[in-house]
C-alpha atoms as a PDB file:
ATOM      1  CA  MET A   1     160.617  29.325 252.365  1.00  0.00           C
ATOM      2  CA  GLU A   2     162.098  27.698 249.270  1.00  0.00           C
ATOM      3  CA  VAL A   3     164.737  26.003 251.469  1.00  0.00           C
ATOM      4  CA  ALA A   4     162.047  24.504 253.701  1.00  0.00           C
ATOM      5  CA  VAL A   5     160.038  23.260 250.726  1.00  0.00           C
ATOM      6  CA  GLU A   6     163.159  21.785 249.148  1.00  0.00           C
ATOM      7  CA  HIS A   7     164.048  20.051 252.420  1.00  0.00           C
ATOM      8  CA  HIS A   8     160.611  18.409 252.653  1.00  0.00           C
ATOM      9  CA  LEU A   9     160.718  17.357 249.002  1.00  0.00           C
ATOM     10  CA  ASP A  10     164.222  15.952 249.503  1.00  0.00           C
ATOM     11  CA  LEU A  11     162.928  13.759 252.309  1.00  0.00           C
ATOM     12  CA  PHE A  12     159.903  12.746 250.235  1.00  0.00           C
ATOM     13  CA  VAL A  13     161.980  11.728 247.208  1.00  0.00           C
ATOM     14  CA  MET A  14     164.563   9.881 249.310  1.00  0.00           C
ATOM     15  CA  LYS A  15     161.856   7.983 251.175  1.00  0.00           C
ATOM     16  CA  TYR A  16     159.348   7.212 248.425  1.00  0.00           C
ATOM     17  CA  GLY A  17     161.205   7.780 245.139  1.00  0.00           C
ATOM     18  CA  TYR A  18     159.432   6.893 241.906  1.00  0.00           C
ATOM     19  CA  VAL A  19     156.535   5.225 243.736  1.00  0.00           C
ATOM     20  CA  GLY A  20     155.876   8.456 245.623  1.00  0.00           C
ATOM     21  CA  VAL A  21     155.870  10.469 242.389  1.00  0.00           C
ATOM     22  CA  PHE A  22     153.461   7.981 240.796  1.00  0.00           C
ATOM     23  CA  PHE A  23     150.887   7.987 243.604  1.00  0.00           C
ATOM     24  CA  SER A  24     151.155  11.737 244.270  1.00  0.00           C
ATOM     25  CA  LEU A  25     150.419  12.615 240.652  1.00  0.00           C
ATOM     26  CA  ALA A  26     147.652  10.018 240.383  1.00  0.00           C
ATOM     27  CA  LEU A  27     145.890  11.460 243.432  1.00  0.00           C
ATOM     28  CA  GLY A  28     146.611  15.027 242.320  1.00  0.00           C
ATOM     29  CA  VAL A  29     145.022  14.530 238.904  1.00  0.00           C
ATOM     30  CA  ILE A  30     141.977  12.918 240.519  1.00  0.00           C
ATOM     31  CA  GLY A  31     141.530  16.140 242.457  1.00  0.00           C
ATOM     32  CA  LEU A  32     143.317  15.998 245.799  1.00  0.00           C
ATOM     33  CA  PRO A  33     145.154  19.238 246.728  1.00  0.00           C
ATOM     34  CA  ILE A  34     148.636  18.097 245.733  1.00  0.00           C
ATOM     35  CA  PRO A  35     151.004  20.645 244.083  1.00  0.00           C
ATOM     36  CA  ASP A  36     151.619  18.584 240.955  1.00  0.00           C
ATOM     37  CA  GLU A  37     153.806  21.055 239.064  1.00  0.00           C
ATOM     38  CA  VAL A  38     155.934  21.720 242.142  1.00  0.00           C
ATOM     39  CA  LEU A  39     156.520  18.003 242.630  1.00  0.00           C
ATOM     40  CA  MET A  40     157.351  17.347 238.971  1.00  0.00           C
ATOM     41  CA  THR A  41     159.674  20.342 238.708  1.00  0.00           C
ATOM     42  CA  TYR A  42     161.491  19.281 241.852  1.00  0.00           C
ATOM     43  CA  THR A  43     161.688  15.724 240.519  1.00  0.00           C
ATOM     44  CA  GLY A  44     163.457  17.128 237.447  1.00  0.00           C
ATOM     45  CA  TYR A  45     165.853  18.928 239.774  1.00  0.00           C
ATOM     46  CA  ALA A  46     166.415  15.654 241.657  1.00  0.00           C
ATOM     47  CA  VAL A  47     167.336  14.081 238.311  1.00  0.00           C
ATOM     48  CA  SER A  48     169.952  16.800 237.717  1.00  0.00           C
ATOM     49  CA  ARG A  49     171.464  15.959 241.129  1.00  0.00           C
ATOM     50  CA  GLY A  50     171.626  12.265 240.351  1.00  0.00           C
ATOM     51  CA  MET A  51     169.008  11.318 242.955  1.00  0.00           C
ATOM     52  CA  LEU A  52     166.703   9.902 240.281  1.00  0.00           C
ATOM     53  CA  LEU A  53     167.100   8.689 236.703  1.00  0.00           C
ATOM     54  CA  MET A  54     165.265  10.624 233.999  1.00  0.00           C
ATOM     55  CA  PRO A  55     163.706   7.639 232.145  1.00  0.00           C
ATOM     56  CA  PHE A  56     162.175   6.287 235.362  1.00  0.00           C
ATOM     57  CA  ALA A  57     161.130   9.769 236.505  1.00  0.00           C
ATOM     58  CA  VAL A  58     159.285  10.270 233.198  1.00  0.00           C
ATOM     59  CA  LEU A  59     157.637   6.854 233.443  1.00  0.00           C
ATOM     60  CA  SER A  60     156.522   7.343 237.053  1.00  0.00           C
ATOM     61  CA  ALA A  61     155.134  10.827 236.311  1.00  0.00           C
ATOM     62  CA  PHE A  62     153.435   9.752 233.092  1.00  0.00           C
ATOM     63  CA  PHE A  63     151.850   6.601 234.528  1.00  0.00           C
ATOM     64  CA  GLY A  64     150.794   8.500 237.649  1.00  0.00           C
ATOM     65  CA  ALA A  65     149.036  11.196 235.614  1.00  0.00           C
ATOM     66  CA  ALA A  66     147.575   8.583 233.257  1.00  0.00           C
ATOM     67  CA  ALA A  67     146.294   6.495 236.167  1.00  0.00           C
ATOM     68  CA  GLY A  68     144.680   9.504 237.822  1.00  0.00           C
ATOM     69  CA  ILE A  69     142.882  10.708 234.704  1.00  0.00           C
ATOM     70  CA  THR A  70     141.764   7.161 233.822  1.00  0.00           C
ATOM     71  CA  ILE A  71     140.268   6.637 237.287  1.00  0.00           C
ATOM     72  CA  SER A  72     138.386   9.932 236.916  1.00  0.00           C
ATOM     73  CA  TYR A  73     137.111   8.852 233.491  1.00  0.00           C
ATOM     74  CA  VAL A  74     135.919   5.447 234.761  1.00  0.00           C
ATOM     75  CA  ILE A  75     134.162   7.047 237.746  1.00  0.00           C
ATOM     76  CA  ALA A  76     132.356   9.459 235.431  1.00  0.00           C
ATOM     77  CA  CYS A  77     131.336   6.680 233.025  1.00  0.00           C
ATOM     78  CA  LYS A  78     129.836   4.718 235.893  1.00  0.00           C
ATOM     79  CA  TRP A  79     128.276   7.366 238.143  1.00  0.00           C
ATOM     80  CA  GLY A  80     128.296  10.612 236.149  1.00  0.00           C
ATOM     81  CA  LEU A  81     127.543  14.207 237.101  1.00  0.00           C
ATOM     82  CA  PRO A  82     125.457  13.611 240.278  1.00  0.00           C
ATOM     83  CA  LEU A  83     128.439  11.986 242.000  1.00  0.00           C
ATOM     84  CA  LEU A  84     130.834  14.698 240.810  1.00  0.00           C
ATOM     85  CA  LEU A  85     128.557  17.423 242.192  1.00  0.00           C
ATOM     86  CA  LYS A  86     128.288  15.558 245.486  1.00  0.00           C
ATOM     87  CA  VAL A  87     131.933  14.591 245.938  1.00  0.00           C
ATOM     88  CA  GLY A  88     133.513  17.483 243.987  1.00  0.00           C
ATOM     89  CA  PRO A  89     133.720  19.972 246.881  1.00  0.00           C
ATOM     90  CA  TYR A  90     135.822  17.481 248.850  1.00  0.00           C
ATOM     91  CA  LEU A  91     138.251  17.375 245.898  1.00  0.00           C
ATOM     92  CA  TYR A  92     138.249  21.171 245.509  1.00  0.00           C
ATOM     93  CA  ILE A  93     136.097  20.801 242.392  1.00  0.00           C
ATOM     94  CA  THR A  94     133.378  23.423 242.776  1.00  0.00           C
ATOM     95  CA  PRO A  95     130.123  23.614 240.772  1.00  0.00           C
ATOM     96  CA  LYS A  96     131.435  26.843 239.229  1.00  0.00           C
ATOM     97  CA  LYS A  97     134.567  25.082 237.965  1.00  0.00           C
ATOM     98  CA  ILE A  98     132.449  22.233 236.633  1.00  0.00           C
ATOM     99  CA  GLU A  99     130.170  24.625 234.751  1.00  0.00           C
ATOM    100  CA  SER A 100     133.008  26.632 233.198  1.00  0.00           C
ATOM    101  CA  THR A 101     134.897  23.490 232.181  1.00  0.00           C
ATOM    102  CA  GLN A 102     131.699  21.999 230.695  1.00  0.00           C
ATOM    103  CA  LYS A 103     131.445  25.023 228.405  1.00  0.00           C
ATOM    104  CA  LEU A 104     135.079  24.650 227.369  1.00  0.00           C
ATOM    105  CA  PHE A 105     134.663  20.916 226.815  1.00  0.00           C
ATOM    106  CA  ALA A 106     131.548  21.420 224.707  1.00  0.00           C
ATOM    107  CA  LYS A 107     133.522  23.785 222.492  1.00  0.00           C
ATOM    108  CA  TYR A 108     136.935  22.157 222.311  1.00  0.00           C
ATOM    109  CA  GLY A 109     136.225  18.565 223.330  1.00  0.00           C
ATOM    110  CA  PRO A 110     139.185  16.174 223.109  1.00  0.00           C
ATOM    111  CA  PHE A 111     141.654  19.021 222.605  1.00  0.00           C
ATOM    112  CA  LEU A 112     140.971  20.105 226.193  1.00  0.00           C
ATOM    113  CA  LEU A 113     142.145  16.709 227.452  1.00  0.00           C
ATOM    114  CA  ILE A 114     145.638  17.701 226.296  1.00  0.00           C
ATOM    115  CA  VAL A 115     145.728  21.393 227.158  1.00  0.00           C
ATOM    116  CA  GLY A 116     143.739  20.893 230.375  1.00  0.00           C
ATOM    117  CA  TYR A 117     146.775  19.430 232.140  1.00  0.00           C
ATOM    118  CA  PHE A 118     148.442  22.835 231.978  1.00  0.00           C
ATOM    119  CA  LEU A 119     145.437  24.556 233.573  1.00  0.00           C
ATOM    120  CA  PRO A 120     145.112  24.063 237.350  1.00  0.00           C
ATOM    121  CA  GLY A 121     141.494  23.393 238.244  1.00  0.00           C
ATOM    122  CA  VAL A 122     140.669  22.257 234.702  1.00  0.00           C
ATOM    123  CA  ARG A 123     142.756  19.086 234.467  1.00  0.00           C
ATOM    124  CA  HIS A 124     140.853  17.697 237.453  1.00  0.00           C
ATOM    125  CA  ILE A 125     137.544  17.927 235.589  1.00  0.00           C
ATOM    126  CA  THR A 126     138.197  17.130 231.911  1.00  0.00           C
ATOM    127  CA  ALA A 127     138.267  13.356 232.411  1.00  0.00           C
ATOM    128  CA  TYR A 128     134.978  13.453 234.327  1.00  0.00           C
ATOM    129  CA  LEU A 129     133.404  15.387 231.453  1.00  0.00           C
ATOM    130  CA  ALA A 130     134.820  12.952 228.897  1.00  0.00           C
ATOM    131  CA  GLY A 131     133.246  10.057 230.787  1.00  0.00           C
ATOM    132  CA  MET A 132     129.911  11.815 231.224  1.00  0.00           C
ATOM    133  CA  SER A 133     129.780  12.647 227.509  1.00  0.00           C
ATOM    134  CA  ALA A 134     130.242   8.931 226.708  1.00  0.00           C
ATOM    135  CA  MET A 135     133.505   9.538 224.840  1.00  0.00           C
ATOM    136  CA  LYS A 136     134.933   6.225 223.630  1.00  0.00           C
ATOM    137  CA  TYR A 137     137.893   5.012 225.655  1.00  0.00           C
ATOM    138  CA  GLY A 138     140.175   4.793 222.613  1.00  0.00           C
ATOM    139  CA  LYS A 139     139.615   8.429 221.725  1.00  0.00           C
ATOM    140  CA  PHE A 140     139.892   9.490 225.364  1.00  0.00           C
ATOM    141  CA  ALA A 141     143.155   7.588 225.792  1.00  0.00           C
ATOM    142  CA  ALA A 142     144.752   9.032 222.635  1.00  0.00           C
ATOM    143  CA  PHE A 143     144.310  12.612 223.832  1.00  0.00           C
ATOM    144  CA  ALA A 144     144.499  12.172 227.620  1.00  0.00           C
ATOM    145  CA  TYR A 145     147.683  10.091 227.582  1.00  0.00           C
ATOM    146  CA  THR A 146     149.331  12.383 225.048  1.00  0.00           C
ATOM    147  CA  GLY A 147     148.588  15.273 227.390  1.00  0.00           C
ATOM    148  CA  ALA A 148     149.924  13.326 230.374  1.00  0.00           C
ATOM    149  CA  LEU A 149     153.223  12.696 228.621  1.00  0.00           C
ATOM    150  CA  LEU A 150     153.636  16.288 227.415  1.00  0.00           C
ATOM    151  CA  TRP A 151     152.721  17.705 230.825  1.00  0.00           C
ATOM    152  CA  SER A 152     155.122  15.398 232.653  1.00  0.00           C
ATOM    153  CA  LEU A 153     157.999  16.032 230.247  1.00  0.00           C
ATOM    154  CA  THR A 154     157.506  19.819 230.334  1.00  0.00           C
ATOM    155  CA  PHE A 155     157.907  20.199 234.086  1.00  0.00           C
ATOM    156  CA  LEU A 156     160.508  17.468 234.527  1.00  0.00           C
ATOM    157  CA  LEU A 157     162.703  19.059 231.855  1.00  0.00           C
ATOM    158  CA  LEU A 158     162.175  22.525 233.344  1.00  0.00           C
ATOM    159  CA  GLY A 159     163.314  21.258 236.735  1.00  0.00           C
ATOM    160  CA  LYS A 160     166.313  19.497 235.216  1.00  0.00           C
ATOM    161  CA  MET A 161     167.396  22.555 233.216  1.00  0.00           C
ATOM    162  CA  LEU A 162     166.859  25.098 236.004  1.00  0.00           C
ATOM    163  CA  GLU A 163     168.553  22.913 238.635  1.00  0.00           C
ATOM    164  CA  ARG A 164     168.790  24.931 241.909  1.00  0.00           C
ATOM    165  CA  GLU A 165     166.473  27.567 240.445  1.00  0.00           C
ATOM    166  CA  TRP A 166     163.716  24.971 240.027  1.00  0.00           C
ATOM    167  CA  TYR A 167     161.348  26.777 242.423  1.00  0.00           C
ATOM    168  CA  LYS A 168     161.173  29.761 240.038  1.00  0.00           C
ATOM    169  CA  VAL A 169     158.778  27.743 237.884  1.00  0.00           C
ATOM    170  CA  VAL A 170     156.192  28.030 240.669  1.00  0.00           C
ATOM    171  CA  VAL A 171     156.699  31.808 240.783  1.00  0.00           C
ATOM    172  CA  TYR A 172     156.382  32.054 236.999  1.00  0.00           C
ATOM    173  CA  ILE A 173     153.155  30.045 237.032  1.00  0.00           C
ATOM    174  CA  ARG A 174     151.657  32.400 239.626  1.00  0.00           C
ATOM    175  CA  HIS A 175     152.719  35.592 237.844  1.00  0.00           C
ATOM    176  CA  TYR A 176     152.686  34.517 234.208  1.00  0.00           C
ATOM    177  CA  GLY A 177     149.900  31.963 234.125  1.00  0.00           C
ATOM    178  CA  LEU A 178     148.708  33.210 230.730  1.00  0.00           C
ATOM    179  CA  THR A 179     152.119  32.551 229.207  1.00  0.00           C
ATOM    180  CA  PHE A 180     152.078  28.983 230.476  1.00  0.00           C
ATOM    181  CA  LEU A 181     148.551  28.653 229.110  1.00  0.00           C
ATOM    182  CA  LEU A 182     149.689  29.795 225.677  1.00  0.00           C
ATOM    183  CA  ILE A 183     152.643  27.427 225.776  1.00  0.00           C
ATOM    184  CA  GLY A 184     150.304  24.627 226.809  1.00  0.00           C
ATOM    185  CA  CYS A 185     147.947  25.493 223.955  1.00  0.00           C
ATOM    186  CA  ALA A 186     150.806  25.477 221.452  1.00  0.00           C
ATOM    187  CA  VAL A 187     151.967  22.097 222.707  1.00  0.00           C
ATOM    188  CA  GLY A 188     148.413  20.777 222.641  1.00  0.00           C
ATOM    189  CA  ILE A 189     147.814  21.963 219.084  1.00  0.00           C
ATOM    190  CA  ALA A 190     151.048  20.334 217.926  1.00  0.00           C
ATOM    191  CA  ALA A 191     150.052  17.062 219.594  1.00  0.00           C
ATOM    192  CA  TYR A 192     146.546  17.227 218.115  1.00  0.00           C
ATOM    193  CA  LEU A 193     147.922  17.767 214.609  1.00  0.00           C
ATOM    194  CA  LEU A 194     150.339  14.880 215.085  1.00  0.00           C
ATOM    195  CA  VAL A 195     147.514  12.546 216.131  1.00  0.00           C
ATOM    196  CA  LYS A 196     145.392  13.621 213.147  1.00  0.00           C
ATOM    197  CA  TYR A 197     148.342  13.155 210.801  1.00  0.00           C
ATOM    198  CA  ARG A 198     148.954   9.638 212.059  1.00  0.00           C
ATOM    199  CA  GLN A 199     145.268   8.837 211.695  1.00  0.00           C
ATOM    200  CA  SER A 200     145.321  10.072 208.096  1.00  0.00           C
ATOM    201  CA  LEU A 201     148.239   7.761 207.335  1.00  0.00           C
ATOM    202  CA  LYS A 202     146.221   4.771 208.523  1.00  0.00           C
ATOM    203  CA  THR A 203     143.232   5.588 206.294  1.00  0.00           C
END
């Protein structure tokens, strides 16, 4: 099975390259059923094989994720919850997921924009909630784009380090999801503290 998946991803990367990574992640973050982590981990593996260059892989993944979450935020600012409830099921965003993420967002707010990337089903909703709660774009961007960069780097570096064992990341996510959540939380907390520290230096 892994061989078949790798073959398809090989063809995808050879045909579409960085542009394919960009648009796939943008659409995946918006909510389409695209295996984001699988694609990014494989992209890291492609870097280790010399098929892609790491700086451009990072840029394409980051800008793809940033574009997707920004589009979601703008949609929410303009049309809000009624549209999300109507269109959500087509993007695999169920009312139950919306409700549970609303509770998390009410409690953790901007922090969830960073950690949410590491939580399948949550990252598709956080930007919508940020827009519906009238969060200022500057604040949204600081947290959402930090999360996009950390998320992209994490899986690209995992794929690059694991090389031919890249597909094991998918297995680990399925079996050890809590561990990845804790890692994501640790990364998110570190990023949050860094942002706050930089803000304190400006004041």
